[in-house]
Amino acid sequence: MPARPIHEPRRDDCPWCGSKRLRTRLRTPDLRLGRPGTFTVDTCEDCAHTFQNPRLTPEGLALYGGTAAEEPADPGRLRAVARTMLRHVTEPESWLDVGTGDGHFPEAAQRVFPYTSFDGLDLTARVVRARDAERVEEAHVGSLTDPRVLAGLRGRYDVVSMLHHLEHTRDPRHELWAARTALRPGGLLLLELPDPASASADLLGKWWPSYDQPRHLHLIPLPNLRAELVAQGWRILGTDRRAAHVPRDLTAATALYLTRKGFLAPPGPLLTLARAADHTLSPAARRTRFANAYRVIARKETAR
C-alpha cells in the first residue's frame, strides 16, 4: 500500500454539468477499511452532483477497493426489490445483474421469477463463485462498458439491474448507455442508488455510510439521473424513495465511529440500540428527507 493514494488531477468543474461552482462537502479518511489517505467529496452548487475530487485512478481504486466484510444480504428485502418489477413484466426470459458480487440478488429474484435466466456481471471473480454456487447461470467478469464484454451481451436481456452500482463507476452515463446496448427493444432497467439529498448525509457527515470513501466516486441526485435517462431515450416508469430506504444509517455510522475510536469490536449494546433506532424511525424516515436511497425503473423506448 503506497503512503499516498493514487489520484487523478483535481478537477475544477462538475463532471455532470460542467459548472465551475464547486464547494467541498467533506474530507474524510477511509473509515470502513482504515487504509491510509484523505479523500475529498465536492458538490456542484448548480446541479448538486456530488463526487470524489480528485478521483482515484483505476490503479488507486484497485488498491483501495480491496475486500472487506459486507453486510449480510437480506433475502426478504432483495425479493421485495424484485417484486417491484412484476407490475412491468411478468416473465422475463433473461436478466443481467450488473455489479452482482456474490449473486445474492439473482438468487433472491429467482424466487419471484422462477422461469427467468439470471446472469451476473462483476469486476471481480466473485461472480464466478456465484455461478459455481448456482446463483447465476452465466458469469461475466469485467465492466459493462468494456467493448469486449459488451459485444457478447448486446441485445440479449429483457431486464438489466444495477443495485448500488452506479456510485462505484467512473462514468455513470456510459454505464447507462451500455445497459441500453445489453437490453432488447422494450427492455427494462432497474436502478437503486444512495441519495445525496438525504438529510442523513447532512446529519451524520462523514459517518454517513453511503459516502463510503474512497469507493463511491459519484452520488447522483435523482433529478439529474431522471434528466439523463430521458436524454438517452429511456421512458421512466417509476421512481421511489420510500421502498428504496434501508434502515441502517445509525447502525453503520455507530460502527464506523467506534471502530475509528479504537474499538476492535464495537460494543454490542450500542449497536443494538442504534439498530433499534434505525428500525423504529424507518417508517417516518421513508416519508421524509431522511430516506437514504432511491429506485428508478425505466424502459428502453427508442432505438439510438
C-alpha atoms as a PDB file:
ATOM      1  CA  MET A   1       0.000   0.000   0.000  1.00  0.00           C
ATOM      2  CA  PRO A   2       1.556   3.336  -1.021  1.00  0.00           C
ATOM      3  CA  ALA A   3       1.918   6.115   1.527  1.00  0.00           C
ATOM      4  CA  ARG A   4      -0.339   8.303  -0.645  1.00  0.00           C
ATOM      5  CA  PRO A   5      -3.377   7.359  -2.730  1.00  0.00           C
ATOM      6  CA  ILE A   6      -3.084   7.371  -6.498  1.00  0.00           C
ATOM      7  CA  HIS A   7      -5.181  10.326  -7.608  1.00  0.00           C
ATOM      8  CA  GLU A   8      -6.049  11.919 -10.905  1.00  0.00           C
ATOM      9  CA  PRO A   9      -5.527  15.692 -11.131  1.00  0.00           C
ATOM     10  CA  ARG A  10      -8.101  17.634  -9.163  1.00  0.00           C
ATOM     11  CA  ARG A  11     -10.779  18.988 -11.471  1.00  0.00           C
ATOM     12  CA  ASP A  12     -12.236  22.489 -11.256  1.00  0.00           C
ATOM     13  CA  ASP A  13     -15.564  21.710 -12.913  1.00  0.00           C
ATOM     14  CA  CYS A  14     -18.521  19.432 -12.310  1.00  0.00           C
ATOM     15  CA  PRO A  15     -18.292  16.114 -14.183  1.00  0.00           C
ATOM     16  CA  TRP A  16     -22.073  16.139 -14.612  1.00  0.00           C
ATOM     17  CA  CYS A  17     -22.959  19.655 -15.823  1.00  0.00           C
ATOM     18  CA  GLY A  18     -19.589  21.375 -16.310  1.00  0.00           C
ATOM     19  CA  SER A  19     -20.220  24.153 -13.795  1.00  0.00           C
ATOM     20  CA  LYS A  20     -17.203  25.576 -12.008  1.00  0.00           C
ATOM     21  CA  ARG A  21     -19.239  26.444  -8.915  1.00  0.00           C
ATOM     22  CA  LEU A  22     -17.946  23.702  -6.654  1.00  0.00           C
ATOM     23  CA  ARG A  23     -17.788  23.504  -2.885  1.00  0.00           C
ATOM     24  CA  THR A  24     -16.110  20.970  -0.660  1.00  0.00           C
ATOM     25  CA  ARG A  25     -18.736  18.844   1.051  1.00  0.00           C
ATOM     26  CA  LEU A  26     -16.380  16.842   3.252  1.00  0.00           C
ATOM     27  CA  ARG A  27     -12.896  15.465   3.723  1.00  0.00           C
ATOM     28  CA  THR A  28     -12.549  12.048   5.251  1.00  0.00           C
ATOM     29  CA  PRO A  29     -10.172   9.124   5.699  1.00  0.00           C
ATOM     30  CA  ASP A  30     -11.100   5.592   4.704  1.00  0.00           C
ATOM     31  CA  LEU A  31     -13.390   4.952   7.663  1.00  0.00           C
ATOM     32  CA  ARG A  32     -14.510   1.471   6.658  1.00  0.00           C
ATOM     33  CA  LEU A  33     -11.193  -0.212   5.882  1.00  0.00           C
ATOM     34  CA  GLY A  34      -8.812   2.145   7.676  1.00  0.00           C
ATOM     35  CA  ARG A  35      -6.367   2.402   4.805  1.00  0.00           C
ATOM     36  CA  PRO A  36      -4.129   5.495   4.592  1.00  0.00           C
ATOM     37  CA  GLY A  37      -5.105   8.679   2.801  1.00  0.00           C
ATOM     38  CA  THR A  38      -7.621  11.502   2.954  1.00  0.00           C
ATOM     39  CA  PHE A  39     -10.353  11.899   0.370  1.00  0.00           C
ATOM     40  CA  THR A  40     -12.371  14.920  -0.669  1.00  0.00           C
ATOM     41  CA  VAL A  41     -16.006  14.949  -1.765  1.00  0.00           C
ATOM     42  CA  ASP A  42     -17.200  18.021  -3.674  1.00  0.00           C
ATOM     43  CA  THR A  43     -20.704  19.153  -4.587  1.00  0.00           C
ATOM     44  CA  CYS A  44     -21.741  21.227  -7.587  1.00  0.00           C
ATOM     45  CA  GLU A  45     -23.700  24.279  -6.468  1.00  0.00           C
ATOM     46  CA  ASP A  46     -25.612  24.357  -9.762  1.00  0.00           C
ATOM     47  CA  CYS A  47     -26.765  20.739 -10.274  1.00  0.00           C
ATOM     48  CA  ALA A  48     -25.990  19.253  -6.804  1.00  0.00           C
ATOM     49  CA  HIS A  49     -23.953  16.396  -8.266  1.00  0.00           C
ATOM     50  CA  THR A  50     -21.617  15.071  -5.560  1.00  0.00           C
ATOM     51  CA  PHE A  51     -18.332  13.432  -6.474  1.00  0.00           C
ATOM     52  CA  GLN A  52     -14.874  12.431  -5.298  1.00  0.00           C
ATOM     53  CA  ASN A  53     -12.359  15.128  -6.224  1.00  0.00           C
ATOM     54  CA  PRO A  54      -9.612  14.375  -7.005  1.00  0.00           C
ATOM     55  CA  ARG A  55     -10.752  10.983  -8.176  1.00  0.00           C
ATOM     56  CA  LEU A  56      -8.723   7.842  -7.709  1.00  0.00           C
ATOM     57  CA  THR A  57      -7.174   6.361 -10.817  1.00  0.00           C
ATOM     58  CA  PRO A  58      -8.099   2.782 -11.754  1.00  0.00           C
ATOM     59  CA  GLU A  59      -4.893   1.682 -10.034  1.00  0.00           C
ATOM     60  CA  GLY A  60      -5.889   3.597  -6.935  1.00  0.00           C
ATOM     61  CA  LEU A  61      -9.346   2.052  -6.973  1.00  0.00           C
ATOM     62  CA  ALA A  62      -7.778  -1.393  -7.186  1.00  0.00           C
ATOM     63  CA  LEU A  63      -5.666  -0.619  -4.136  1.00  0.00           C
ATOM     64  CA  TYR A  64      -8.450   0.867  -2.065  1.00  0.00           C
ATOM     65  CA  GLY A  65     -11.298  -1.339  -3.209  1.00  0.00           C
ATOM     66  CA  GLY A  66      -9.829  -4.492  -1.776  1.00  0.00           C
ATOM     67  CA  THR A  67     -12.008  -6.811   0.216  1.00  0.00           C
ATOM     68  CA  ALA A  68     -13.994  -6.231   3.340  1.00  0.00           C
ATOM     69  CA  ALA A  69     -16.722  -7.978   5.221  1.00  0.00           C
ATOM     70  CA  GLU A  70     -20.008  -6.790   3.755  1.00  0.00           C
ATOM     71  CA  GLU A  71     -23.347  -6.529   5.479  1.00  0.00           C
ATOM     72  CA  PRO A  72     -25.256  -9.795   5.158  1.00  0.00           C
ATOM     73  CA  ALA A  73     -27.684  -9.714   2.271  1.00  0.00           C
ATOM     74  CA  ASP A  74     -31.334  -9.560   3.337  1.00  0.00           C
ATOM     75  CA  PRO A  75     -33.127 -12.072   1.086  1.00  0.00           C
ATOM     76  CA  GLY A  76     -36.525 -10.679   2.048  1.00  0.00           C
ATOM     77  CA  ARG A  77     -35.588  -7.163   1.004  1.00  0.00           C
ATOM     78  CA  LEU A  78     -33.994  -8.410  -2.222  1.00  0.00           C
ATOM     79  CA  ARG A  79     -37.141 -10.346  -3.115  1.00  0.00           C
ATOM     80  CA  ALA A  80     -39.176  -7.207  -2.434  1.00  0.00           C
ATOM     81  CA  VAL A  81     -36.962  -5.297  -4.868  1.00  0.00           C
ATOM     82  CA  ALA A  82     -37.536  -7.978  -7.500  1.00  0.00           C
ATOM     83  CA  ARG A  83     -41.297  -7.908  -6.912  1.00  0.00           C
ATOM     84  CA  THR A  84     -41.414  -4.235  -7.874  1.00  0.00           C
ATOM     85  CA  MET A  85     -40.805  -5.376 -11.445  1.00  0.00           C
ATOM     86  CA  LEU A  86     -43.965  -7.518 -11.561  1.00  0.00           C
ATOM     87  CA  ARG A  87     -46.120  -4.521 -12.464  1.00  0.00           C
ATOM     88  CA  HIS A  88     -43.998  -4.028 -15.598  1.00  0.00           C
ATOM     89  CA  VAL A  89     -43.034  -7.560 -16.649  1.00  0.00           C
ATOM     90  CA  THR A  90     -44.435 -10.946 -15.644  1.00  0.00           C
ATOM     91  CA  GLU A  91     -41.988 -13.462 -17.070  1.00  0.00           C
ATOM     92  CA  PRO A  92     -38.752 -12.029 -18.494  1.00  0.00           C
ATOM     93  CA  GLU A  93     -36.700 -14.561 -20.360  1.00  0.00           C
ATOM     94  CA  SER A  94     -33.297 -13.179 -19.403  1.00  0.00           C
ATOM     95  CA  TRP A  95     -31.966 -10.791 -16.743  1.00  0.00           C
ATOM     96  CA  LEU A  96     -28.476  -9.360 -16.232  1.00  0.00           C
ATOM     97  CA  ASP A  97     -27.468  -8.156 -12.762  1.00  0.00           C
ATOM     98  CA  VAL A  98     -24.559  -5.696 -13.032  1.00  0.00           C
ATOM     99  CA  GLY A  99     -22.243  -5.400 -10.044  1.00  0.00           C
ATOM    100  CA  THR A 100     -23.709  -8.650  -8.775  1.00  0.00           C
ATOM    101  CA  GLY A 101     -20.886  -9.540  -6.376  1.00  0.00           C
ATOM    102  CA  ASP A 102     -21.755 -12.899  -4.830  1.00  0.00           C
ATOM    103  CA  GLY A 103     -25.027 -13.095  -6.726  1.00  0.00           C
ATOM    104  CA  HIS A 104     -27.390 -12.686  -3.787  1.00  0.00           C
ATOM    105  CA  PHE A 105     -29.853 -10.543  -5.725  1.00  0.00           C
ATOM    106  CA  PRO A 106     -30.275 -13.004  -8.629  1.00  0.00           C
ATOM    107  CA  GLU A 107     -30.670 -15.813  -6.108  1.00  0.00           C
ATOM    108  CA  ALA A 108     -33.460 -13.923  -4.339  1.00  0.00           C
ATOM    109  CA  ALA A 109     -35.081 -12.700  -7.547  1.00  0.00           C
ATOM    110  CA  GLN A 110     -35.225 -16.273  -8.866  1.00  0.00           C
ATOM    111  CA  ARG A 111     -37.869 -16.942  -6.203  1.00  0.00           C
ATOM    112  CA  VAL A 112     -40.024 -14.227  -7.757  1.00  0.00           C
ATOM    113  CA  PHE A 113     -39.237 -15.077 -11.394  1.00  0.00           C
ATOM    114  CA  PRO A 114     -38.625 -18.848 -11.382  1.00  0.00           C
ATOM    115  CA  TYR A 115     -38.542 -19.187 -15.175  1.00  0.00           C
ATOM    116  CA  THR A 116     -36.089 -16.349 -15.792  1.00  0.00           C
ATOM    117  CA  SER A 117     -32.446 -16.950 -16.675  1.00  0.00           C
ATOM    118  CA  PHE A 118     -30.282 -14.748 -14.438  1.00  0.00           C
ATOM    119  CA  ASP A 119     -26.735 -13.837 -15.446  1.00  0.00           C
ATOM    120  CA  GLY A 120     -24.269 -11.805 -13.413  1.00  0.00           C
ATOM    121  CA  LEU A 121     -21.515  -9.338 -14.218  1.00  0.00           C
ATOM    122  CA  ASP A 122     -18.904  -8.092 -11.774  1.00  0.00           C
ATOM    123  CA  LEU A 123     -15.410  -6.645 -11.808  1.00  0.00           C
ATOM    124  CA  THR A 124     -14.213  -9.452  -9.549  1.00  0.00           C
ATOM    125  CA  ALA A 125     -14.148 -13.235  -9.591  1.00  0.00           C
ATOM    126  CA  ARG A 126     -16.939 -13.251  -7.008  1.00  0.00           C
ATOM    127  CA  VAL A 127     -19.360 -13.648  -9.900  1.00  0.00           C
ATOM    128  CA  VAL A 128     -17.609 -16.872 -10.883  1.00  0.00           C
ATOM    129  CA  ARG A 129     -18.157 -18.204  -7.380  1.00  0.00           C
ATOM    130  CA  ALA A 130     -21.786 -17.111  -7.689  1.00  0.00           C
ATOM    131  CA  ARG A 131     -22.090 -19.197 -10.841  1.00  0.00           C
ATOM    132  CA  ASP A 132     -20.444 -22.163  -9.132  1.00  0.00           C
ATOM    133  CA  ALA A 133     -22.981 -21.775  -6.305  1.00  0.00           C
ATOM    134  CA  GLU A 134     -25.759 -21.739  -8.963  1.00  0.00           C
ATOM    135  CA  ARG A 135     -26.893 -18.229  -8.071  1.00  0.00           C
ATOM    136  CA  VAL A 136     -26.382 -17.118 -11.695  1.00  0.00           C
ATOM    137  CA  GLU A 137     -26.298 -19.084 -14.925  1.00  0.00           C
ATOM    138  CA  GLU A 138     -23.595 -17.129 -16.741  1.00  0.00           C
ATOM    139  CA  ALA A 139     -20.757 -15.262 -15.038  1.00  0.00           C
ATOM    140  CA  HIS A 140     -19.123 -12.317 -16.785  1.00  0.00           C
ATOM    141  CA  VAL A 141     -16.015 -10.775 -15.252  1.00  0.00           C
ATOM    142  CA  GLY A 142     -15.293  -7.177 -16.233  1.00  0.00           C
ATOM    143  CA  SER A 143     -17.027  -3.873 -16.828  1.00  0.00           C
ATOM    144  CA  LEU A 144     -20.238  -3.449 -18.793  1.00  0.00           C
ATOM    145  CA  THR A 145     -18.608  -0.501 -20.567  1.00  0.00           C
ATOM    146  CA  ASP A 146     -15.703  -2.647 -21.804  1.00  0.00           C
ATOM    147  CA  PRO A 147     -16.376  -3.126 -25.541  1.00  0.00           C
ATOM    148  CA  ARG A 148     -15.077  -6.685 -25.368  1.00  0.00           C
ATOM    149  CA  VAL A 149     -17.541  -7.549 -22.612  1.00  0.00           C
ATOM    150  CA  LEU A 150     -20.454  -5.624 -24.080  1.00  0.00           C
ATOM    151  CA  ALA A 151     -20.054  -7.207 -27.505  1.00  0.00           C
ATOM    152  CA  GLY A 152     -21.083 -10.561 -26.061  1.00  0.00           C
ATOM    153  CA  LEU A 153     -24.083  -9.108 -24.201  1.00  0.00           C
ATOM    154  CA  ARG A 154     -25.580  -6.875 -26.904  1.00  0.00           C
ATOM    155  CA  GLY A 155     -29.364  -7.169 -27.159  1.00  0.00           C
ATOM    156  CA  ARG A 156     -29.577 -10.285 -25.002  1.00  0.00           C
ATOM    157  CA  TYR A 157     -31.620  -9.188 -21.989  1.00  0.00           C
ATOM    158  CA  ASP A 158     -35.170  -8.278 -21.058  1.00  0.00           C
ATOM    159  CA  VAL A 159     -34.055  -6.718 -17.759  1.00  0.00           C
ATOM    160  CA  VAL A 160     -30.799  -5.169 -16.550  1.00  0.00           C
ATOM    161  CA  SER A 161     -30.453  -4.364 -12.848  1.00  0.00           C
ATOM    162  CA  MET A 162     -27.864  -2.107 -11.214  1.00  0.00           C
ATOM    163  CA  LEU A 163     -28.396  -2.070  -7.466  1.00  0.00           C
ATOM    164  CA  HIS A 164     -26.000   0.318  -5.717  1.00  0.00           C
ATOM    165  CA  HIS A 165     -23.638   0.004  -8.643  1.00  0.00           C
ATOM    166  CA  LEU A 166     -23.526   3.377 -10.421  1.00  0.00           C
ATOM    167  CA  GLU A 167     -21.910   5.157  -7.463  1.00  0.00           C
ATOM    168  CA  HIS A 168     -18.859   2.910  -7.858  1.00  0.00           C
ATOM    169  CA  THR A 169     -18.362   3.620 -11.558  1.00  0.00           C
ATOM    170  CA  ARG A 170     -16.063   6.125 -13.201  1.00  0.00           C
ATOM    171  CA  ASP A 171     -18.615   7.193 -15.823  1.00  0.00           C
ATOM    172  CA  PRO A 172     -22.245   6.576 -14.800  1.00  0.00           C
ATOM    173  CA  ARG A 173     -23.578   7.969 -18.091  1.00  0.00           C
ATOM    174  CA  HIS A 174     -21.527   5.434 -20.033  1.00  0.00           C
ATOM    175  CA  GLU A 175     -22.915   2.657 -17.809  1.00  0.00           C
ATOM    176  CA  LEU A 176     -26.470   3.686 -18.699  1.00  0.00           C
ATOM    177  CA  TRP A 177     -25.656   3.669 -22.414  1.00  0.00           C
ATOM    178  CA  ALA A 178     -24.079   0.234 -22.028  1.00  0.00           C
ATOM    179  CA  ALA A 179     -27.222  -1.029 -20.286  1.00  0.00           C
ATOM    180  CA  ARG A 180     -29.256   0.160 -23.311  1.00  0.00           C
ATOM    181  CA  THR A 181     -26.965  -1.843 -25.542  1.00  0.00           C
ATOM    182  CA  ALA A 182     -27.394  -5.015 -23.479  1.00  0.00           C
ATOM    183  CA  LEU A 183     -31.190  -4.720 -23.496  1.00  0.00           C
ATOM    184  CA  ARG A 184     -33.613  -5.853 -26.157  1.00  0.00           C
ATOM    185  CA  PRO A 185     -36.078  -3.260 -27.516  1.00  0.00           C
ATOM    186  CA  GLY A 186     -38.561  -2.502 -24.764  1.00  0.00           C
ATOM    187  CA  GLY A 187     -36.255  -3.932 -22.117  1.00  0.00           C
ATOM    188  CA  LEU A 188     -36.315  -2.681 -18.536  1.00  0.00           C
ATOM    189  CA  LEU A 189     -33.660  -1.065 -16.367  1.00  0.00           C
ATOM    190  CA  LEU A 190     -33.825  -1.316 -12.564  1.00  0.00           C
ATOM    191  CA  LEU A 191     -31.633   1.102 -10.599  1.00  0.00           C
ATOM    192  CA  GLU A 192     -31.041   1.740  -6.910  1.00  0.00           C
ATOM    193  CA  LEU A 193     -28.644   4.439  -5.699  1.00  0.00           C
ATOM    194  CA  PRO A 194     -27.813   6.271  -2.475  1.00  0.00           C
ATOM    195  CA  ASP A 195     -29.466   9.682  -2.322  1.00  0.00           C
ATOM    196  CA  PRO A 196     -27.033  12.554  -1.680  1.00  0.00           C
ATOM    197  CA  ALA A 197     -30.035  14.758  -0.875  1.00  0.00           C
ATOM    198  CA  SER A 198     -30.825  12.630   2.177  1.00  0.00           C
ATOM    199  CA  ALA A 199     -30.958  14.592   5.423  1.00  0.00           C
ATOM    200  CA  SER A 200     -28.952  11.767   6.987  1.00  0.00           C
ATOM    201  CA  ALA A 201     -25.969  12.806   4.861  1.00  0.00           C
ATOM    202  CA  ASP A 202     -26.069  16.265   6.438  1.00  0.00           C
ATOM    203  CA  LEU A 203     -26.772  14.974   9.942  1.00  0.00           C
ATOM    204  CA  LEU A 204     -24.085  12.278  10.022  1.00  0.00           C
ATOM    205  CA  GLY A 205     -21.466  13.976   7.848  1.00  0.00           C
ATOM    206  CA  LYS A 206     -18.517  11.751   7.016  1.00  0.00           C
ATOM    207  CA  TRP A 207     -20.025   8.959   9.113  1.00  0.00           C
ATOM    208  CA  TRP A 208     -22.934   8.579   6.687  1.00  0.00           C
ATOM    209  CA  PRO A 209     -22.222   5.080   5.326  1.00  0.00           C
ATOM    210  CA  SER A 210     -23.197   5.917   1.745  1.00  0.00           C
ATOM    211  CA  TYR A 211     -20.270   8.317   1.402  1.00  0.00           C
ATOM    212  CA  ASP A 212     -18.026   5.220   1.726  1.00  0.00           C
ATOM    213  CA  GLN A 213     -14.845   6.942   0.654  1.00  0.00           C
ATOM    214  CA  PRO A 214     -12.867   6.225  -1.417  1.00  0.00           C
ATOM    215  CA  ARG A 215     -15.042   3.575  -3.072  1.00  0.00           C
ATOM    216  CA  HIS A 216     -18.009   5.784  -4.051  1.00  0.00           C
ATOM    217  CA  LEU A 217     -16.998   8.079  -6.898  1.00  0.00           C
ATOM    218  CA  HIS A 218     -20.371   9.663  -7.769  1.00  0.00           C
ATOM    219  CA  LEU A 219     -23.503  10.394  -5.744  1.00  0.00           C
ATOM    220  CA  ILE A 220     -26.156  11.389  -8.257  1.00  0.00           C
ATOM    221  CA  PRO A 221     -29.253  13.392  -7.285  1.00  0.00           C
ATOM    222  CA  LEU A 222     -32.482  11.873  -8.540  1.00  0.00           C
ATOM    223  CA  PRO A 223     -33.403  14.853 -10.786  1.00  0.00           C
ATOM    224  CA  ASN A 224     -30.031  14.562 -12.545  1.00  0.00           C
ATOM    225  CA  LEU A 225     -30.461  10.864 -13.172  1.00  0.00           C
ATOM    226  CA  ARG A 226     -34.015  11.323 -14.432  1.00  0.00           C
ATOM    227  CA  ALA A 227     -32.885  14.004 -16.888  1.00  0.00           C
ATOM    228  CA  GLU A 228     -30.044  11.836 -18.169  1.00  0.00           C
ATOM    229  CA  LEU A 229     -32.293   8.830 -18.685  1.00  0.00           C
ATOM    230  CA  VAL A 230     -34.768  10.918 -20.676  1.00  0.00           C
ATOM    231  CA  ALA A 231     -31.927  12.391 -22.752  1.00  0.00           C
ATOM    232  CA  GLN A 232     -30.730   8.884 -23.600  1.00  0.00           C
ATOM    233  CA  GLY A 233     -34.175   7.809 -24.774  1.00  0.00           C
ATOM    234  CA  TRP A 234     -35.431   5.909 -21.742  1.00  0.00           C
ATOM    235  CA  ARG A 235     -39.044   6.123 -20.603  1.00  0.00           C
ATOM    236  CA  ILE A 236     -39.181   6.443 -16.831  1.00  0.00           C
ATOM    237  CA  LEU A 237     -41.854   4.126 -15.464  1.00  0.00           C
ATOM    238  CA  GLY A 238     -41.442   4.943 -11.800  1.00  0.00           C
ATOM    239  CA  THR A 239     -39.250   6.387  -9.059  1.00  0.00           C
ATOM    240  CA  ASP A 240     -39.433   5.546  -5.369  1.00  0.00           C
ATOM    241  CA  ARG A 241     -37.595   6.786  -2.292  1.00  0.00           C
ATOM    242  CA  ARG A 242     -39.772   5.069   0.303  1.00  0.00           C
ATOM    243  CA  ALA A 243     -39.240   1.467  -0.762  1.00  0.00           C
ATOM    244  CA  ALA A 244     -35.551   2.008  -1.510  1.00  0.00           C
ATOM    245  CA  HIS A 245     -34.733   3.260   2.001  1.00  0.00           C
ATOM    246  CA  VAL A 246     -32.562   0.865   4.001  1.00  0.00           C
ATOM    247  CA  PRO A 247     -32.739   1.311   7.806  1.00  0.00           C
ATOM    248  CA  ARG A 248     -29.017   1.190   8.513  1.00  0.00           C
ATOM    249  CA  ASP A 249     -27.594   4.710   8.739  1.00  0.00           C
ATOM    250  CA  LEU A 250     -27.378   5.000  12.530  1.00  0.00           C
ATOM    251  CA  THR A 251     -26.120   1.433  12.943  1.00  0.00           C
ATOM    252  CA  ALA A 252     -23.406   1.775  10.314  1.00  0.00           C
ATOM    253  CA  ALA A 253     -22.374   5.247  11.492  1.00  0.00           C
ATOM    254  CA  THR A 254     -22.069   3.994  15.078  1.00  0.00           C
ATOM    255  CA  ALA A 255     -19.953   1.051  13.989  1.00  0.00           C
ATOM    256  CA  LEU A 256     -17.690   3.274  11.890  1.00  0.00           C
ATOM    257  CA  TYR A 257     -17.263   5.791  14.717  1.00  0.00           C
ATOM    258  CA  LEU A 258     -16.469   3.203  17.386  1.00  0.00           C
ATOM    259  CA  THR A 259     -14.056   1.338  15.125  1.00  0.00           C
ATOM    260  CA  ARG A 260     -12.309   4.605  14.293  1.00  0.00           C
ATOM    261  CA  LYS A 261     -12.011   5.335  18.004  1.00  0.00           C
ATOM    262  CA  GLY A 262     -10.149   2.106  18.578  1.00  0.00           C
ATOM    263  CA  PHE A 263     -12.799  -0.456  19.437  1.00  0.00           C
ATOM    264  CA  LEU A 264     -11.756  -3.626  17.633  1.00  0.00           C
ATOM    265  CA  ALA A 265     -15.245  -4.976  18.226  1.00  0.00           C
ATOM    266  CA  PRO A 266     -17.854  -2.211  18.665  1.00  0.00           C
ATOM    267  CA  PRO A 267     -19.831  -2.702  21.911  1.00  0.00           C
ATOM    268  CA  GLY A 268     -22.883  -4.828  21.218  1.00  0.00           C
ATOM    269  CA  PRO A 269     -25.346  -2.814  23.340  1.00  0.00           C
ATOM    270  CA  LEU A 270     -24.579   0.394  21.445  1.00  0.00           C
ATOM    271  CA  LEU A 271     -25.055  -1.285  18.093  1.00  0.00           C
ATOM    272  CA  THR A 272     -28.251  -2.913  19.320  1.00  0.00           C
ATOM    273  CA  LEU A 273     -29.556   0.496  20.398  1.00  0.00           C
ATOM    274  CA  ALA A 274     -28.605   2.075  17.067  1.00  0.00           C
ATOM    275  CA  ARG A 275     -30.205  -0.784  15.147  1.00  0.00           C
ATOM    276  CA  ALA A 276     -33.395  -0.440  17.147  1.00  0.00           C
ATOM    277  CA  ALA A 277     -33.449   3.300  16.442  1.00  0.00           C
ATOM    278  CA  ASP A 278     -32.961   2.693  12.701  1.00  0.00           C
ATOM    279  CA  HIS A 279     -35.906   0.317  12.530  1.00  0.00           C
ATOM    280  CA  THR A 280     -38.132   2.347  14.833  1.00  0.00           C
ATOM    281  CA  LEU A 281     -37.573   5.510  12.832  1.00  0.00           C
ATOM    282  CA  SER A 282     -37.725   3.781   9.459  1.00  0.00           C
ATOM    283  CA  PRO A 283     -41.458   4.354   8.738  1.00  0.00           C
ATOM    284  CA  ALA A 284     -41.016   8.085   9.294  1.00  0.00           C
ATOM    285  CA  ALA A 285     -37.645   8.251   7.554  1.00  0.00           C
ATOM    286  CA  ARG A 286     -39.079   6.693   4.397  1.00  0.00           C
ATOM    287  CA  ARG A 287     -41.590   9.516   4.116  1.00  0.00           C
ATOM    288  CA  THR A 288     -39.184  12.380   4.726  1.00  0.00           C
ATOM    289  CA  ARG A 289     -35.848  13.688   3.528  1.00  0.00           C
ATOM    290  CA  PHE A 290     -34.185  11.086   5.759  1.00  0.00           C
ATOM    291  CA  ALA A 291     -34.816   8.398   3.133  1.00  0.00           C
ATOM    292  CA  ASN A 292     -31.305   7.358   2.159  1.00  0.00           C
ATOM    293  CA  ALA A 293     -31.745   5.885  -1.328  1.00  0.00           C
ATOM    294  CA  TYR A 294     -33.981   5.906  -4.376  1.00  0.00           C
ATOM    295  CA  ARG A 295     -35.128   3.469  -7.022  1.00  0.00           C
ATOM    296  CA  VAL A 296     -35.787   4.070 -10.708  1.00  0.00           C
ATOM    297  CA  ILE A 297     -37.402   1.769 -13.261  1.00  0.00           C
ATOM    298  CA  ALA A 298     -37.071   2.746 -16.919  1.00  0.00           C
ATOM    299  CA  ARG A 299     -37.864   1.233 -20.305  1.00  0.00           C
ATOM    300  CA  LYS A 300     -35.691   1.286 -23.400  1.00  0.00           C
ATOM    301  CA  GLU A 301     -38.073   3.164 -25.654  1.00  0.00           C
ATOM    302  CA  THR A 302     -36.263   4.352 -28.760  1.00  0.00           C
ATOM    303  CA  ALA A 303     -33.517   2.997 -30.959  1.00  0.00           C
ATOM    304  CA  ARG A 304     -30.332   5.008 -30.553  1.00  0.00           C
END
